[in-house]
Amino acid sequence: MERGKIIILQGLFEHVWIALILFIFIWLFSWAKGILGSVKLAVLFALIVVYLTFYQYPELVWLGVIVFFLATFGKEIFTKVKIFQGESHEEIMGGKH
């Protein structure tokens, strides 16, 4: 039974990895097409970056995912947590109200 769970998790991880590759490739391609102005150069650029990122340095993928989520959802998360709206020392210690 344990071996079956491992096989399922490996399959799930591979599917997530493929979806992540496709998402990043399309995102890079659309960005590069606008910047470079040529579809062929944009495809070449996206292929090189995806190859280097996913096959040469796969740990950078998760850094990119974290940066993407922070850029997309970071402002709302930080305003809910109020990480940048600190209280003064007096308010924390009960001196000022």
C-alpha atoms as a PDB file:
ATOM      1  CA  MET A   1       0.000   0.000   0.000  1.00  0.00           C
ATOM      2  CA  GLU A   2       2.840   2.415   0.812  1.00  0.00           C
ATOM      3  CA  ARG A   3       4.454   1.886  -2.595  1.00  0.00           C
ATOM      4  CA  GLY A   4       1.198   2.815  -4.334  1.00  0.00           C
ATOM      5  CA  LYS A   5       1.063   6.145  -2.496  1.00  0.00           C
ATOM      6  CA  ILE A   6       4.635   6.935  -3.510  1.00  0.00           C
ATOM      7  CA  ILE A   7       3.862   6.211  -7.165  1.00  0.00           C
ATOM      8  CA  ILE A   8       0.779   8.434  -7.032  1.00  0.00           C
ATOM      9  CA  LEU A   9       2.752  11.281  -5.432  1.00  0.00           C
ATOM     10  CA  GLN A  10       5.521  10.967  -8.020  1.00  0.00           C
ATOM     11  CA  GLY A  11       2.957  11.117 -10.818  1.00  0.00           C
ATOM     12  CA  LEU A  12       1.309  14.146  -9.257  1.00  0.00           C
ATOM     13  CA  PHE A  13       4.672  15.875  -8.866  1.00  0.00           C
ATOM     14  CA  GLU A  14       5.521  15.195 -12.526  1.00  0.00           C
ATOM     15  CA  HIS A  15       2.187  16.641 -13.664  1.00  0.00           C
ATOM     16  CA  VAL A  16       2.658  19.763 -11.551  1.00  0.00           C
ATOM     17  CA  TRP A  17       6.196  20.113 -12.928  1.00  0.00           C
ATOM     18  CA  ILE A  18       4.933  19.899 -16.544  1.00  0.00           C
ATOM     19  CA  ALA A  19       2.166  22.423 -15.853  1.00  0.00           C
ATOM     20  CA  LEU A  20       4.709  24.765 -14.269  1.00  0.00           C
ATOM     21  CA  ILE A  21       7.023  24.426 -17.281  1.00  0.00           C
ATOM     22  CA  LEU A  22       4.186  25.258 -19.681  1.00  0.00           C
ATOM     23  CA  PHE A  23       2.963  28.192 -17.603  1.00  0.00           C
ATOM     24  CA  ILE A  24       6.416  29.750 -17.313  1.00  0.00           C
ATOM     25  CA  PHE A  25       7.192  29.117 -20.985  1.00  0.00           C
ATOM     26  CA  ILE A  26       3.988  30.838 -22.141  1.00  0.00           C
ATOM     27  CA  TRP A  27       4.488  33.690 -19.694  1.00  0.00           C
ATOM     28  CA  LEU A  28       8.097  34.227 -20.840  1.00  0.00           C
ATOM     29  CA  PHE A  29       7.121  33.910 -24.484  1.00  0.00           C
ATOM     30  CA  SER A  30       4.401  36.556 -24.251  1.00  0.00           C
ATOM     31  CA  TRP A  31       6.713  38.901 -22.348  1.00  0.00           C
ATOM     32  CA  ALA A  32       9.631  38.363 -24.747  1.00  0.00           C
ATOM     33  CA  LYS A  33       7.411  38.791 -27.814  1.00  0.00           C
ATOM     34  CA  GLY A  34       6.451  42.235 -26.599  1.00  0.00           C
ATOM     35  CA  ILE A  35      10.002  43.207 -25.714  1.00  0.00           C
ATOM     36  CA  LEU A  36      11.901  41.635 -28.631  1.00  0.00           C
ATOM     37  CA  GLY A  37       9.227  42.189 -31.274  1.00  0.00           C
ATOM     38  CA  SER A  38       9.934  38.902 -33.059  1.00  0.00           C
ATOM     39  CA  VAL A  39       8.100  35.634 -32.488  1.00  0.00           C
ATOM     40  CA  LYS A  40      11.135  33.515 -33.433  1.00  0.00           C
ATOM     41  CA  LEU A  41      13.420  35.367 -31.035  1.00  0.00           C
ATOM     42  CA  ALA A  42      10.796  35.166 -28.310  1.00  0.00           C
ATOM     43  CA  VAL A  43      10.487  31.374 -28.751  1.00  0.00           C
ATOM     44  CA  LEU A  44      14.267  30.977 -28.710  1.00  0.00           C
ATOM     45  CA  PHE A  45      14.607  33.157 -25.627  1.00  0.00           C
ATOM     46  CA  ALA A  46      11.818  31.331 -23.776  1.00  0.00           C
ATOM     47  CA  LEU A  47      13.263  27.912 -24.685  1.00  0.00           C
ATOM     48  CA  ILE A  48      16.726  28.858 -23.435  1.00  0.00           C
ATOM     49  CA  VAL A  49      15.453  30.320 -20.166  1.00  0.00           C
ATOM     50  CA  VAL A  50      13.098  27.397 -19.483  1.00  0.00           C
ATOM     51  CA  TYR A  51      15.827  24.868 -20.264  1.00  0.00           C
ATOM     52  CA  LEU A  52      18.350  26.560 -17.996  1.00  0.00           C
ATOM     53  CA  THR A  53      15.825  27.053 -15.228  1.00  0.00           C
ATOM     54  CA  PHE A  54      14.134  23.663 -15.183  1.00  0.00           C
ATOM     55  CA  TYR A  55      16.932  21.336 -16.225  1.00  0.00           C
ATOM     56  CA  GLN A  56      20.168  23.004 -15.181  1.00  0.00           C
ATOM     57  CA  TYR A  57      19.070  24.811 -11.992  1.00  0.00           C
ATOM     58  CA  PRO A  58      15.717  23.335 -10.881  1.00  0.00           C
ATOM     59  CA  GLU A  59      15.931  24.858  -7.401  1.00  0.00           C
ATOM     60  CA  LEU A  60      15.516  28.308  -8.977  1.00  0.00           C
ATOM     61  CA  VAL A  61      12.031  27.315 -10.123  1.00  0.00           C
ATOM     62  CA  TRP A  62      10.701  27.482  -6.585  1.00  0.00           C
ATOM     63  CA  LEU A  63      12.338  30.853  -6.038  1.00  0.00           C
ATOM     64  CA  GLY A  64      10.541  32.106  -9.147  1.00  0.00           C
ATOM     65  CA  VAL A  65       7.234  30.669  -7.942  1.00  0.00           C
ATOM     66  CA  ILE A  66       7.637  32.401  -4.586  1.00  0.00           C
ATOM     67  CA  VAL A  67       8.486  35.712  -6.260  1.00  0.00           C
ATOM     68  CA  PHE A  68       5.490  35.350  -8.587  1.00  0.00           C
ATOM     69  CA  PHE A  69       3.086  34.731  -5.696  1.00  0.00           C
ATOM     70  CA  LEU A  70       4.533  37.600  -3.677  1.00  0.00           C
ATOM     71  CA  ALA A  71       4.215  39.935  -6.666  1.00  0.00           C
ATOM     72  CA  THR A  72       0.667  38.783  -7.337  1.00  0.00           C
ATOM     73  CA  PHE A  73      -0.788  38.395  -3.854  1.00  0.00           C
ATOM     74  CA  GLY A  74       1.818  40.030  -1.616  1.00  0.00           C
ATOM     75  CA  LYS A  75       0.187  43.395  -1.115  1.00  0.00           C
ATOM     76  CA  GLU A  76      -3.094  41.917   0.125  1.00  0.00           C
ATOM     77  CA  ILE A  77      -1.330  39.436   2.381  1.00  0.00           C
ATOM     78  CA  PHE A  78       0.926  42.072   3.929  1.00  0.00           C
ATOM     79  CA  THR A  79      -1.971  44.479   4.544  1.00  0.00           C
ATOM     80  CA  LYS A  80      -3.973  41.713   6.270  1.00  0.00           C
ATOM     81  CA  VAL A  81      -1.002  40.717   8.431  1.00  0.00           C
ATOM     82  CA  LYS A  82      -0.081  44.396   8.965  1.00  0.00           C
ATOM     83  CA  ILE A  83       3.600  43.566   8.801  1.00  0.00           C
ATOM     84  CA  PHE A  84       4.569  47.091   7.748  1.00  0.00           C
ATOM     85  CA  GLN A  85       2.262  48.929  10.150  1.00  0.00           C
ATOM     86  CA  GLY A  86       4.204  48.449  13.342  1.00  0.00           C
ATOM     87  CA  GLU A  87       3.243  49.808  16.687  1.00  0.00           C
ATOM     88  CA  SER A  88       5.538  52.044  18.641  1.00  0.00           C
ATOM     89  CA  HIS A  89       7.316  50.777  21.740  1.00  0.00           C
ATOM     90  CA  GLU A  90       5.031  52.821  24.030  1.00  0.00           C
ATOM     91  CA  GLU A  91       1.879  51.355  22.468  1.00  0.00           C
ATOM     92  CA  ILE A  92       3.193  47.837  22.885  1.00  0.00           C
ATOM     93  CA  MET A  93       4.141  48.406  26.527  1.00  0.00           C
ATOM     94  CA  GLY A  94       0.826  50.163  27.295  1.00  0.00           C
ATOM     95  CA  GLY A  95       2.206  53.677  27.791  1.00  0.00           C
ATOM     96  CA  LYS A  96       0.288  55.549  25.077  1.00  0.00           C
ATOM     97  CA  HIS A  97      -3.278  55.052  23.894  1.00  0.00           C
END
